[in-house]
Amino acid sequence: MSPAPLVCPACRHVVGGDLHVRTLAPVGGLLGCDCGATYPVVDGIPIVFRDVDTWLRSEGVEALRRHDLPDDVAARIAVGTGGAAARNASLVDVYTRSREGALQDWLRDRIAALDGAILEMGAGIGASSRPDVLALDHNLALLRHHPAARVCGDAADPPFLPASFDAVVLANVLDSCAQPGLILAQADALLRPGGRLIVTCAYAFHEDITPRGQRFGPQELAAALDGRAPLLGYGIPHRRIEEIDRVAWPLALSERLTHVHAAHALISVKSG
């Protein structure tokens, strides 16, 4: 279960500028809310989305996967099942092969130095081996390989209270979502004043994921984290304390093919 309180995204709302939330509690094998919404827990991983049924229609094959299946059996089933199962199996293969590289080393070193409550948003299999972080990702297959506490949920609508964390990590997430400015704003909202934000991005936007009007470059991201300019309408008042550019991020797409991104990496401190 999550070390941070989980809130119900189905009934969270704002009235007169005040945020109204309800926290979730165990109801049998589920997590439930007083509003009537329920959320499954699979292999100890809560699945908490505003519209959990839509997620289940797309990703339910992963939620129903037996946790005791040997890797070769799971891989064979994924090939035959296709769809989300085959896609997730391919992603797991790529990221488990791609643990080494300059960017991976930089992330591990920086995360190792963090204190307090740490959240990885869009965590995948994990940017470090720290067991005391909290991982959030929409992909349950990747989360199964993360070494820490895990929540399957939406980084654009995270099921946590504001100011719950001392550090938030966004490792190669912003160019893999539909609304990167919103994701960055959510990361900022989850940080306590003085908290640290670690962001890495290769700006490898895809036509079928991020609309052209939502894309940006390193100058726009740096300006947003300096508080000089909002990113896609969202202001992020931070102070940058470290930045490197064009650091190698190798992705081993197969045993014989590795794609190397030139990534941008920043660390900032939240004002206030």
Protein backbone atom coordinates (compact mmCIF):
# COMPACT_ATOMS: atom_id res chain seq x y z
CA MET A 1 0.00 0.00 0.00
CA SER A 2 1.03 3.62 -0.47
CA PRO A 3 2.98 5.33 2.35
CA ALA A 4 1.15 8.58 1.46
CA PRO A 5 -2.61 9.07 1.97
CA LEU A 6 -4.54 8.27 -1.19
CA VAL A 7 -7.42 10.54 -2.13
CA CYS A 8 -10.42 9.73 -4.31
CA PRO A 9 -10.02 11.36 -7.74
CA ALA A 10 -13.65 10.59 -8.61
CA CYS A 11 -15.07 13.11 -6.14
CA ARG A 12 -12.21 15.57 -5.70
CA HIS A 13 -13.39 19.08 -6.56
CA VAL A 14 -12.75 22.75 -5.91
CA VAL A 15 -15.39 25.09 -4.49
CA GLY A 16 -14.64 28.77 -4.05
CA GLY A 17 -10.93 28.13 -4.36
CA ASP A 18 -10.95 25.44 -1.65
CA LEU A 19 -9.97 21.87 -2.47
CA HIS A 20 -12.38 19.22 -1.19
CA VAL A 21 -11.07 15.64 -0.99
CA ARG A 22 -11.91 12.31 0.63
CA THR A 23 -9.24 9.78 1.52
CA LEU A 24 -9.53 6.12 0.59
CA ALA A 25 -9.84 3.22 3.03
CA PRO A 26 -9.73 -0.58 2.62
CA VAL A 27 -13.08 -2.19 1.75
CA GLY A 28 -12.44 -5.92 1.48
CA GLY A 29 -9.86 -6.34 -1.27
CA LEU A 30 -10.63 -2.88 -2.66
CA LEU A 31 -10.01 0.72 -1.68
CA GLY A 32 -13.23 2.64 -1.23
CA CYS A 33 -14.51 6.17 -0.77
CA ASP A 34 -17.58 7.50 1.01
CA CYS A 35 -18.77 8.73 -2.40
CA GLY A 36 -19.22 5.11 -3.46
CA ALA A 37 -16.20 4.82 -5.78
CA THR A 38 -14.08 1.70 -5.43
CA TYR A 39 -10.59 0.92 -6.68
CA PRO A 40 -8.92 -2.49 -7.09
CA VAL A 41 -5.65 -3.44 -5.42
CA VAL A 42 -3.59 -5.89 -7.48
CA ASP A 43 -0.51 -7.53 -5.98
CA GLY A 44 -0.41 -4.77 -3.39
CA ILE A 45 -0.60 -1.99 -6.02
CA PRO A 46 -3.65 0.31 -5.74
CA ILE A 47 -5.18 1.21 -9.11
CA VAL A 48 -6.60 4.71 -8.58
CA PHE A 49 -7.96 6.61 -11.59
CA ARG A 50 -10.84 9.08 -11.83
CA ASP A 51 -12.40 6.70 -14.38
CA VAL A 52 -10.92 3.37 -13.35
CA ASP A 53 -13.31 1.43 -15.62
CA THR A 54 -11.88 3.10 -18.73
CA TRP A 55 -8.38 2.15 -17.60
CA LEU A 56 -9.50 -1.43 -16.96
CA ARG A 57 -11.03 -1.72 -20.44
CA SER A 58 -7.64 -0.85 -21.91
CA GLU A 59 -5.25 -2.38 -19.38
CA GLY A 60 -7.36 -4.99 -17.57
CA VAL A 61 -5.40 -7.86 -19.11
CA GLU A 62 -2.42 -6.73 -17.02
CA ALA A 63 -4.53 -6.33 -13.87
CA LEU A 64 -5.74 -9.92 -14.22
CA ARG A 65 -2.28 -11.37 -14.81
CA ARG A 66 -1.22 -13.97 -12.27
CA HIS A 67 1.75 -12.66 -10.32
CA ASP A 68 3.33 -16.13 -10.06
CA LEU A 69 3.70 -16.71 -13.82
CA PRO A 70 7.29 -17.42 -14.94
CA ASP A 71 8.66 -14.77 -17.31
CA ASP A 72 8.67 -17.11 -20.32
CA VAL A 73 5.06 -18.11 -19.73
CA ALA A 74 3.96 -14.47 -19.34
CA ALA A 75 5.84 -13.53 -22.53
CA ARG A 76 4.18 -16.35 -24.50
CA ILE A 77 0.71 -15.31 -23.31
CA ALA A 78 1.46 -11.67 -24.20
CA VAL A 79 2.37 -12.64 -27.77
CA GLY A 80 -0.87 -14.56 -28.21
CA THR A 81 -3.06 -12.01 -26.45
CA GLY A 82 -1.65 -8.98 -28.29
CA GLY A 83 -2.89 -5.47 -27.54
CA ALA A 84 -1.90 -4.06 -24.17
CA ALA A 85 -0.25 -7.31 -23.06
CA ALA A 86 2.15 -7.40 -26.02
CA ARG A 87 2.83 -3.65 -25.79
CA ASN A 88 3.59 -3.85 -22.08
CA ALA A 89 5.84 -6.88 -22.49
CA SER A 90 7.85 -4.95 -25.11
CA LEU A 91 8.17 -1.90 -22.83
CA VAL A 92 9.34 -4.04 -19.92
CA ASP A 93 11.97 -5.66 -22.16
CA VAL A 94 13.30 -2.29 -23.35
CA TYR A 95 13.51 -0.64 -19.95
CA THR A 96 14.97 -3.62 -18.11
CA ARG A 97 17.72 -3.79 -20.77
CA SER A 98 18.34 -0.03 -20.49
CA ARG A 99 19.46 0.45 -16.89
CA GLU A 100 22.97 1.69 -17.72
CA GLY A 101 23.99 5.01 -19.24
CA ALA A 102 25.13 8.54 -18.39
CA LEU A 103 21.61 9.81 -17.68
CA GLN A 104 20.72 6.72 -15.66
CA ASP A 105 23.87 7.26 -13.53
CA TRP A 106 23.05 10.95 -13.05
CA LEU A 107 19.52 10.14 -11.92
CA ARG A 108 20.64 7.43 -9.49
CA ASP A 109 23.20 9.77 -7.92
CA ARG A 110 20.75 12.67 -7.55
CA ILE A 111 17.91 10.53 -6.21
CA ALA A 112 20.27 8.89 -3.71
CA ALA A 113 21.00 12.34 -2.26
CA LEU A 114 17.33 13.26 -1.68
CA ASP A 115 15.79 13.40 1.79
CA GLY A 116 12.24 13.05 3.07
CA ALA A 117 9.20 11.80 1.17
CA ILE A 118 10.06 11.17 -2.49
CA LEU A 119 7.65 10.63 -5.38
CA GLU A 120 8.58 9.30 -8.82
CA MET A 121 5.89 10.39 -11.30
CA GLY A 122 5.70 8.30 -14.46
CA ALA A 123 8.12 6.03 -12.64
CA GLY A 124 8.10 2.97 -14.90
CA ILE A 125 10.50 0.36 -13.50
CA GLY A 126 12.26 3.02 -11.41
CA ALA A 127 15.06 5.53 -11.94
CA SER A 128 16.86 4.27 -8.84
CA SER A 129 16.89 1.26 -6.54
CA ARG A 130 15.79 3.20 -3.44
CA PRO A 131 13.08 1.18 -1.70
CA ASP A 132 11.72 4.19 0.23
CA VAL A 133 10.36 6.21 -2.70
CA LEU A 134 6.75 6.12 -3.88
CA ALA A 135 6.20 5.28 -7.57
CA LEU A 136 3.24 6.51 -9.64
CA ASP A 137 2.62 5.30 -13.19
CA HIS A 138 -0.37 4.42 -15.38
CA ASN A 139 1.38 1.24 -16.61
CA LEU A 140 0.90 -1.62 -14.17
CA ALA A 141 3.28 -3.92 -16.06
CA LEU A 142 6.18 -1.51 -15.57
CA LEU A 143 5.26 -0.84 -11.94
CA ARG A 144 5.49 -4.56 -11.16
CA HIS A 145 9.27 -4.20 -11.71
CA HIS A 146 9.68 -1.13 -9.50
CA PRO A 147 11.48 -1.87 -6.20
CA ALA A 148 9.47 0.51 -4.00
CA ALA A 149 5.89 1.26 -2.94
CA ARG A 150 3.68 1.72 -6.01
CA VAL A 151 0.41 3.32 -7.09
CA CYS A 152 -1.08 2.85 -10.55
CA GLY A 153 -2.65 6.19 -11.42
CA ASP A 154 -2.65 9.27 -13.63
CA ALA A 155 0.19 11.79 -13.25
CA ALA A 156 -2.16 14.43 -14.70
CA ASP A 157 -4.64 13.72 -11.88
CA PRO A 158 -2.51 12.22 -9.08
CA PRO A 159 -4.37 10.67 -6.11
CA PHE A 160 -2.38 12.51 -3.43
CA LEU A 161 -2.87 15.54 -1.23
CA PRO A 162 -1.08 18.77 -2.23
CA ALA A 163 2.31 19.41 -0.60
CA SER A 164 2.75 15.73 0.32
CA PHE A 165 6.35 15.32 -0.84
CA ASP A 166 9.82 16.74 -0.22
CA ALA A 167 11.02 15.71 -3.69
CA VAL A 168 9.39 14.79 -6.99
CA VAL A 169 11.17 13.07 -9.88
CA LEU A 170 9.95 13.41 -13.50
CA ALA A 171 12.41 11.23 -15.40
CA ASN A 172 11.71 11.26 -19.15
CA VAL A 173 7.98 11.80 -18.66
CA LEU A 174 7.13 15.22 -20.13
CA ASP A 175 7.62 14.16 -23.76
CA SER A 176 5.56 11.00 -23.23
CA CYS A 177 2.21 12.52 -22.27
CA ALA A 178 -0.58 14.58 -23.80
CA GLN A 179 -0.36 17.57 -21.42
CA PRO A 180 3.24 18.05 -20.25
CA GLY A 181 2.58 21.51 -18.78
CA LEU A 182 -0.17 20.07 -16.60
CA ILE A 183 2.09 17.22 -15.44
CA LEU A 184 4.76 19.73 -14.43
CA ALA A 185 2.18 21.83 -12.58
CA GLN A 186 0.91 18.74 -10.74
CA ALA A 187 4.47 17.85 -9.71
CA ASP A 188 4.87 21.38 -8.35
CA ALA A 189 1.56 21.16 -6.45
CA LEU A 190 2.65 17.93 -4.75
CA LEU A 191 5.90 19.51 -3.53
CA ARG A 192 6.24 21.18 -0.16
CA PRO A 193 7.88 24.65 -0.13
CA GLY A 194 11.63 24.16 -0.39
CA GLY A 195 11.14 20.75 -2.02
CA ARG A 196 13.27 19.58 -4.93
CA LEU A 197 12.07 18.77 -8.43
CA ILE A 198 14.22 16.60 -10.70
CA VAL A 199 13.27 16.74 -14.38
CA THR A 200 14.85 15.02 -17.35
CA CYS A 201 13.55 15.26 -20.91
CA ALA A 202 14.77 14.25 -24.35
CA TYR A 203 12.08 16.30 -26.14
CA ALA A 204 11.28 13.21 -28.24
CA PHE A 205 7.63 14.10 -28.76
CA HIS A 206 5.39 11.72 -30.72
CA GLU A 207 2.63 12.78 -33.09
CA ASP A 208 0.14 10.32 -31.60
CA ILE A 209 0.81 11.28 -27.95
CA THR A 210 1.54 15.00 -27.55
CA PRO A 211 -0.33 17.58 -29.69
CA ARG A 212 1.94 20.09 -31.42
CA GLY A 213 0.54 22.96 -29.37
CA GLN A 214 1.62 21.21 -26.16
CA ARG A 215 5.27 20.75 -27.13
CA PHE A 216 8.24 22.82 -25.95
CA GLY A 217 12.04 22.92 -25.90
CA PRO A 218 14.80 23.25 -23.28
CA GLN A 219 14.57 27.06 -23.19
CA GLU A 220 10.86 26.99 -22.36
CA LEU A 221 11.35 24.38 -19.65
CA ALA A 222 14.25 26.28 -18.07
CA ALA A 223 12.27 29.52 -18.15
CA ALA A 224 9.31 27.83 -16.47
CA LEU A 225 11.50 26.45 -13.70
CA ASP A 226 13.03 29.90 -13.19
CA GLY A 227 9.58 31.40 -12.78
CA ARG A 228 10.28 33.66 -15.78
CA ALA A 229 7.56 32.25 -18.04
CA PRO A 230 4.72 29.74 -17.68
CA LEU A 231 4.93 26.47 -19.53
CA LEU A 232 1.85 26.04 -21.72
CA GLY A 233 -0.14 28.25 -19.37
CA TYR A 234 1.15 26.85 -16.09
CA GLY A 235 3.49 28.92 -13.91
CA ILE A 236 6.14 27.04 -11.91
CA PRO A 237 7.95 29.37 -9.44
CA HIS A 238 11.18 27.48 -8.76
CA ARG A 239 14.89 28.21 -8.45
CA ARG A 240 17.16 26.10 -10.64
CA ILE A 241 20.20 24.71 -8.81
CA GLU A 242 21.63 22.32 -11.40
CA GLU A 243 21.35 21.81 -15.15
CA ILE A 244 23.11 19.68 -17.74
CA ASP A 245 22.25 19.25 -21.40
CA ARG A 246 22.79 16.62 -24.05
CA VAL A 247 23.56 13.86 -21.58
CA ALA A 248 23.37 10.42 -23.17
CA TRP A 249 20.27 8.34 -22.44
CA PRO A 250 20.65 4.96 -24.19
CA LEU A 251 17.57 2.82 -24.79
CA ALA A 252 18.33 -0.76 -25.80
CA LEU A 253 15.49 -1.47 -28.21
CA SER A 254 16.79 -4.99 -28.83
CA GLU A 255 19.90 -7.05 -28.17
CA ARG A 256 21.55 -5.48 -31.23
CA LEU A 257 20.01 -2.02 -31.47
CA THR A 258 20.43 0.87 -29.00
CA HIS A 259 18.88 4.30 -29.52
CA VAL A 260 20.74 7.10 -27.72
CA HIS A 261 18.83 10.27 -26.82
CA ALA A 262 20.55 13.55 -25.92
CA ALA A 263 18.62 14.42 -22.78
CA HIS A 264 18.26 17.62 -20.78
CA ALA A 265 18.33 17.39 -16.96
CA LEU A 266 17.48 19.98 -14.31
CA ILE A 267 17.04 20.23 -10.56
CA SER A 268 15.02 23.07 -9.04
CA VAL A 269 13.83 24.10 -5.58
CA LYS A 270 10.25 25.20 -5.00
CA SER A 271 9.88 28.79 -3.79
CA GLY A 272 8.06 29.66 -0.59
